[in-house]
Amino acid sequence: MALRLTLGAPAVSNESPSADHAEVSAISGERVSVLAAASAPPGAPVELVSASRVFEGRVRSCQRVSATQYRIELRLVNFSKPAREELQALMARPRSQD
């Protein structure tokens, strides 16, 4: 069973994100790094869910970056140009100020 993470804009509050929330932090070729509250072992299947599509990939690495966050590097499969543009748009969203 795949780890299912919902892609969203970067969090601005001090609340810890929900277990299924992820933020795109870097894109390089077919590799995508996300920050998430959940961890996953190398090779595990992952689904990144956005408003308009589901991105499927496999975990390349997972590292703890804080007490509540992990950086998961994924290799996405069937990663088209429109999909890349959608992820880049998610990554470029400005943080809202409360």
N, C-alpha and C. Protein backbone atom coordinates (compact mmCIF):
# COMPACT_ATOMS: atom_id res chain seq x y z
N MET A 1 0.84 -1.18 0.00
CA MET A 1 0.00 0.00 0.00
C MET A 1 0.89 1.25 0.00
N ALA A 2 0.56 2.20 -0.81
CA ALA A 2 1.36 3.41 -0.98
C ALA A 2 1.05 4.43 0.12
N LEU A 3 2.10 5.15 0.53
CA LEU A 3 1.93 6.30 1.41
C LEU A 3 1.28 7.39 0.58
N ARG A 4 0.16 7.93 1.04
CA ARG A 4 -0.58 8.95 0.30
C ARG A 4 -0.43 10.29 1.00
N LEU A 5 0.19 11.26 0.31
CA LEU A 5 0.43 12.58 0.88
C LEU A 5 -0.31 13.63 0.06
N THR A 6 -0.96 14.56 0.73
CA THR A 6 -1.68 15.64 0.07
C THR A 6 -0.75 16.85 -0.05
N LEU A 7 -0.55 17.30 -1.29
CA LEU A 7 0.32 18.46 -1.52
C LEU A 7 -0.41 19.73 -1.18
N GLY A 8 0.30 20.63 -0.52
CA GLY A 8 -0.28 21.91 -0.17
C GLY A 8 0.76 22.99 -0.14
N ALA A 9 0.30 24.20 0.13
CA ALA A 9 1.20 25.34 0.24
C ALA A 9 1.98 25.23 1.54
N PRO A 10 3.14 25.87 1.60
CA PRO A 10 3.93 25.84 2.82
C PRO A 10 3.14 26.36 4.01
N ALA A 11 3.29 25.71 5.14
CA ALA A 11 2.59 26.13 6.35
C ALA A 11 3.27 27.36 6.94
N VAL A 12 2.49 28.24 7.54
CA VAL A 12 3.06 29.44 8.14
C VAL A 12 2.87 29.47 9.65
N SER A 13 1.97 28.70 10.17
CA SER A 13 1.73 28.71 11.61
C SER A 13 2.69 27.76 12.32
N ASN A 14 2.69 27.82 13.62
CA ASN A 14 3.56 26.95 14.41
C ASN A 14 2.93 25.59 14.65
N GLU A 15 1.72 25.37 14.14
CA GLU A 15 1.08 24.08 14.29
C GLU A 15 1.84 23.05 13.47
N SER A 16 1.92 21.84 14.00
CA SER A 16 2.54 20.79 13.20
C SER A 16 1.56 20.35 12.12
N PRO A 17 2.07 20.08 10.92
CA PRO A 17 1.19 19.69 9.82
C PRO A 17 0.57 18.33 10.08
N SER A 18 -0.55 18.08 9.42
CA SER A 18 -1.19 16.78 9.57
C SER A 18 -0.29 15.70 8.97
N ALA A 19 -0.52 14.48 9.36
CA ALA A 19 0.35 13.37 8.94
C ALA A 19 0.36 13.16 7.44
N ASP A 20 -0.70 13.58 6.74
CA ASP A 20 -0.75 13.34 5.30
C ASP A 20 -0.41 14.58 4.47
N HIS A 21 0.05 15.66 5.10
CA HIS A 21 0.39 16.90 4.39
C HIS A 21 1.84 16.86 3.91
N ALA A 22 2.08 17.38 2.71
CA ALA A 22 3.44 17.47 2.17
C ALA A 22 3.60 18.77 1.41
N GLU A 23 4.81 19.31 1.43
CA GLU A 23 5.15 20.52 0.68
C GLU A 23 6.30 20.20 -0.26
N VAL A 24 6.21 20.62 -1.51
CA VAL A 24 7.30 20.41 -2.46
C VAL A 24 8.42 21.37 -2.09
N SER A 25 9.65 20.84 -1.91
CA SER A 25 10.77 21.70 -1.54
C SER A 25 11.82 21.82 -2.65
N ALA A 26 11.90 20.84 -3.55
CA ALA A 26 12.88 20.90 -4.64
C ALA A 26 12.47 19.95 -5.77
N ILE A 27 12.81 20.35 -6.99
CA ILE A 27 12.57 19.52 -8.17
C ILE A 27 13.85 19.51 -8.99
N SER A 28 14.31 18.32 -9.34
CA SER A 28 15.50 18.18 -10.18
C SER A 28 15.29 16.97 -11.08
N GLY A 29 14.99 17.23 -12.34
CA GLY A 29 14.71 16.13 -13.26
C GLY A 29 13.46 15.40 -12.82
N GLU A 30 13.56 14.08 -12.68
CA GLU A 30 12.41 13.30 -12.23
C GLU A 30 12.41 13.11 -10.72
N ARG A 31 13.36 13.75 -10.05
CA ARG A 31 13.44 13.68 -8.59
C ARG A 31 12.74 14.87 -7.97
N VAL A 32 11.97 14.59 -6.94
CA VAL A 32 11.22 15.62 -6.22
C VAL A 32 11.46 15.41 -4.73
N SER A 33 11.74 16.49 -4.03
CA SER A 33 11.87 16.42 -2.57
C SER A 33 10.65 17.09 -1.96
N VAL A 34 10.11 16.45 -0.95
CA VAL A 34 8.97 17.01 -0.23
C VAL A 34 9.28 17.01 1.26
N LEU A 35 8.67 17.94 1.97
CA LEU A 35 8.72 17.96 3.42
C LEU A 35 7.39 17.41 3.91
N ALA A 36 7.44 16.44 4.81
CA ALA A 36 6.22 15.79 5.27
C ALA A 36 6.36 15.40 6.73
N ALA A 37 5.22 15.21 7.38
CA ALA A 37 5.22 14.77 8.78
C ALA A 37 5.42 13.27 8.88
N ALA A 38 5.22 12.56 7.79
CA ALA A 38 5.35 11.10 7.77
C ALA A 38 6.72 10.72 7.21
N SER A 39 7.22 9.58 7.64
CA SER A 39 8.45 9.06 7.09
C SER A 39 8.12 7.84 6.22
N ALA A 40 9.08 7.44 5.40
CA ALA A 40 8.88 6.28 4.53
C ALA A 40 10.24 5.65 4.24
N PRO A 41 10.30 4.32 4.18
CA PRO A 41 11.58 3.66 3.89
C PRO A 41 11.93 3.73 2.41
N PRO A 42 13.21 3.64 2.06
CA PRO A 42 13.61 3.62 0.65
C PRO A 42 12.89 2.51 -0.10
N GLY A 43 12.45 2.84 -1.32
CA GLY A 43 11.74 1.88 -2.16
C GLY A 43 10.23 1.87 -1.98
N ALA A 44 9.75 2.51 -0.92
CA ALA A 44 8.31 2.52 -0.66
C ALA A 44 7.57 3.33 -1.73
N PRO A 45 6.40 2.86 -2.16
CA PRO A 45 5.60 3.64 -3.10
C PRO A 45 4.94 4.81 -2.39
N VAL A 46 4.87 5.95 -3.09
CA VAL A 46 4.26 7.16 -2.54
C VAL A 46 3.36 7.77 -3.61
N GLU A 47 2.22 8.26 -3.19
CA GLU A 47 1.33 9.03 -4.06
C GLU A 47 1.24 10.44 -3.51
N LEU A 48 1.56 11.43 -4.35
CA LEU A 48 1.40 12.84 -4.00
C LEU A 48 0.12 13.31 -4.66
N VAL A 49 -0.82 13.77 -3.88
CA VAL A 49 -2.13 14.16 -4.38
C VAL A 49 -2.24 15.68 -4.41
N SER A 50 -2.48 16.23 -5.60
CA SER A 50 -2.72 17.67 -5.74
C SER A 50 -4.19 17.86 -6.09
N ALA A 51 -4.57 19.09 -6.34
CA ALA A 51 -5.96 19.38 -6.66
C ALA A 51 -6.41 18.74 -7.98
N SER A 52 -5.47 18.53 -8.90
CA SER A 52 -5.87 18.05 -10.22
C SER A 52 -5.28 16.71 -10.65
N ARG A 53 -4.33 16.16 -9.90
CA ARG A 53 -3.73 14.88 -10.31
C ARG A 53 -3.06 14.18 -9.14
N VAL A 54 -2.71 12.93 -9.40
CA VAL A 54 -1.95 12.13 -8.43
C VAL A 54 -0.61 11.80 -9.06
N PHE A 55 0.47 12.14 -8.36
CA PHE A 55 1.83 11.84 -8.81
C PHE A 55 2.27 10.58 -8.10
N GLU A 56 2.79 9.62 -8.85
CA GLU A 56 3.23 8.36 -8.26
C GLU A 56 4.75 8.28 -8.31
N GLY A 57 5.33 7.76 -7.25
CA GLY A 57 6.78 7.64 -7.21
C GLY A 57 7.24 6.65 -6.17
N ARG A 58 8.55 6.54 -6.06
CA ARG A 58 9.20 5.66 -5.09
C ARG A 58 10.17 6.48 -4.26
N VAL A 59 10.28 6.14 -2.99
CA VAL A 59 11.19 6.84 -2.08
C VAL A 59 12.63 6.47 -2.41
N ARG A 60 13.46 7.48 -2.60
CA ARG A 60 14.90 7.28 -2.76
C ARG A 60 15.60 7.41 -1.41
N SER A 61 15.17 8.40 -0.64
CA SER A 61 15.74 8.58 0.69
C SER A 61 14.76 9.35 1.56
N CYS A 62 14.95 9.23 2.87
CA CYS A 62 14.10 9.91 3.83
C CYS A 62 14.97 10.31 5.01
N GLN A 63 14.97 11.61 5.33
CA GLN A 63 15.78 12.11 6.44
C GLN A 63 14.94 12.99 7.35
N ARG A 64 15.15 12.84 8.64
CA ARG A 64 14.46 13.70 9.61
C ARG A 64 15.14 15.07 9.58
N VAL A 65 14.33 16.16 9.45
CA VAL A 65 14.89 17.51 9.44
C VAL A 65 14.50 18.30 10.68
N SER A 66 13.47 17.85 11.39
CA SER A 66 13.08 18.46 12.66
C SER A 66 12.30 17.41 13.45
N ALA A 67 11.83 17.81 14.61
CA ALA A 67 11.10 16.87 15.46
C ALA A 67 9.81 16.38 14.80
N THR A 68 9.25 17.18 13.90
CA THR A 68 7.97 16.82 13.29
C THR A 68 8.00 16.72 11.78
N GLN A 69 9.18 16.83 11.16
CA GLN A 69 9.25 16.85 9.70
C GLN A 69 10.35 15.98 9.14
N TYR A 70 10.05 15.40 7.97
CA TYR A 70 11.00 14.58 7.22
C TYR A 70 11.15 15.15 5.82
N ARG A 71 12.35 15.05 5.25
CA ARG A 71 12.56 15.37 3.84
C ARG A 71 12.60 14.04 3.11
N ILE A 72 11.63 13.85 2.22
CA ILE A 72 11.54 12.62 1.45
C ILE A 72 11.91 12.94 0.02
N GLU A 73 12.93 12.25 -0.51
CA GLU A 73 13.31 12.41 -1.91
C GLU A 73 12.66 11.27 -2.68
N LEU A 74 11.94 11.65 -3.73
CA LEU A 74 11.20 10.68 -4.54
C LEU A 74 11.70 10.67 -5.97
N ARG A 75 11.55 9.54 -6.61
CA ARG A 75 11.71 9.44 -8.06
C ARG A 75 10.32 9.20 -8.60
N LEU A 76 9.81 10.19 -9.34
CA LEU A 76 8.46 10.09 -9.86
C LEU A 76 8.44 9.27 -11.15
N VAL A 77 7.35 8.57 -11.38
CA VAL A 77 7.15 7.81 -12.61
C VAL A 77 6.14 8.54 -13.48
N ASN A 78 6.28 8.40 -14.79
CA ASN A 78 5.37 9.06 -15.75
C ASN A 78 5.29 10.56 -15.47
N PHE A 79 6.45 11.20 -15.32
CA PHE A 79 6.52 12.61 -14.96
C PHE A 79 6.57 13.46 -16.22
N SER A 80 5.43 13.98 -16.64
CA SER A 80 5.32 14.76 -17.87
C SER A 80 5.64 16.24 -17.64
N LYS A 81 5.78 16.98 -18.72
CA LYS A 81 6.06 18.42 -18.61
C LYS A 81 4.93 19.15 -17.89
N PRO A 82 3.64 18.90 -18.21
CA PRO A 82 2.57 19.56 -17.47
C PRO A 82 2.59 19.22 -15.96
N ALA A 83 2.94 17.99 -15.64
CA ALA A 83 3.02 17.59 -14.23
C ALA A 83 4.14 18.36 -13.54
N ARG A 84 5.30 18.48 -14.20
CA ARG A 84 6.43 19.23 -13.64
C ARG A 84 6.03 20.68 -13.40
N GLU A 85 5.34 21.28 -14.38
CA GLU A 85 4.91 22.68 -14.25
C GLU A 85 3.95 22.85 -13.08
N GLU A 86 3.07 21.88 -12.88
CA GLU A 86 2.13 21.95 -11.75
C GLU A 86 2.87 21.90 -10.42
N LEU A 87 3.86 21.01 -10.31
CA LEU A 87 4.63 20.92 -9.06
C LEU A 87 5.45 22.19 -8.84
N GLN A 88 6.01 22.76 -9.90
CA GLN A 88 6.79 23.99 -9.76
C GLN A 88 5.89 25.14 -9.31
N ALA A 89 4.65 25.16 -9.79
CA ALA A 89 3.71 26.19 -9.36
C ALA A 89 3.37 26.03 -7.88
N LEU A 90 3.20 24.79 -7.43
CA LEU A 90 2.95 24.55 -6.01
C LEU A 90 4.13 25.00 -5.16
N MET A 91 5.34 24.75 -5.64
CA MET A 91 6.54 25.11 -4.89
C MET A 91 6.71 26.62 -4.83
N ALA A 92 6.27 27.33 -5.88
CA ALA A 92 6.48 28.77 -5.98
C ALA A 92 5.42 29.60 -5.25
N ARG A 93 4.36 28.95 -4.75
CA ARG A 93 3.31 29.70 -4.05
C ARG A 93 3.90 30.49 -2.89
N PRO A 94 3.52 31.76 -2.79
CA PRO A 94 4.02 32.54 -1.65
C PRO A 94 3.36 32.10 -0.35
N ARG A 95 4.09 32.24 0.73
CA ARG A 95 3.53 31.93 2.05
C ARG A 95 2.56 33.02 2.44
N SER A 96 1.37 32.62 2.90
CA SER A 96 0.40 33.62 3.34
C SER A 96 0.81 34.15 4.70
N GLN A 97 0.57 35.41 4.95
CA GLN A 97 0.93 36.03 6.22
C GLN A 97 -0.34 36.21 7.04
N ASP A 98 -0.38 35.63 8.22
CA ASP A 98 -1.55 35.75 9.10
C ASP A 98 -1.39 36.91 10.05
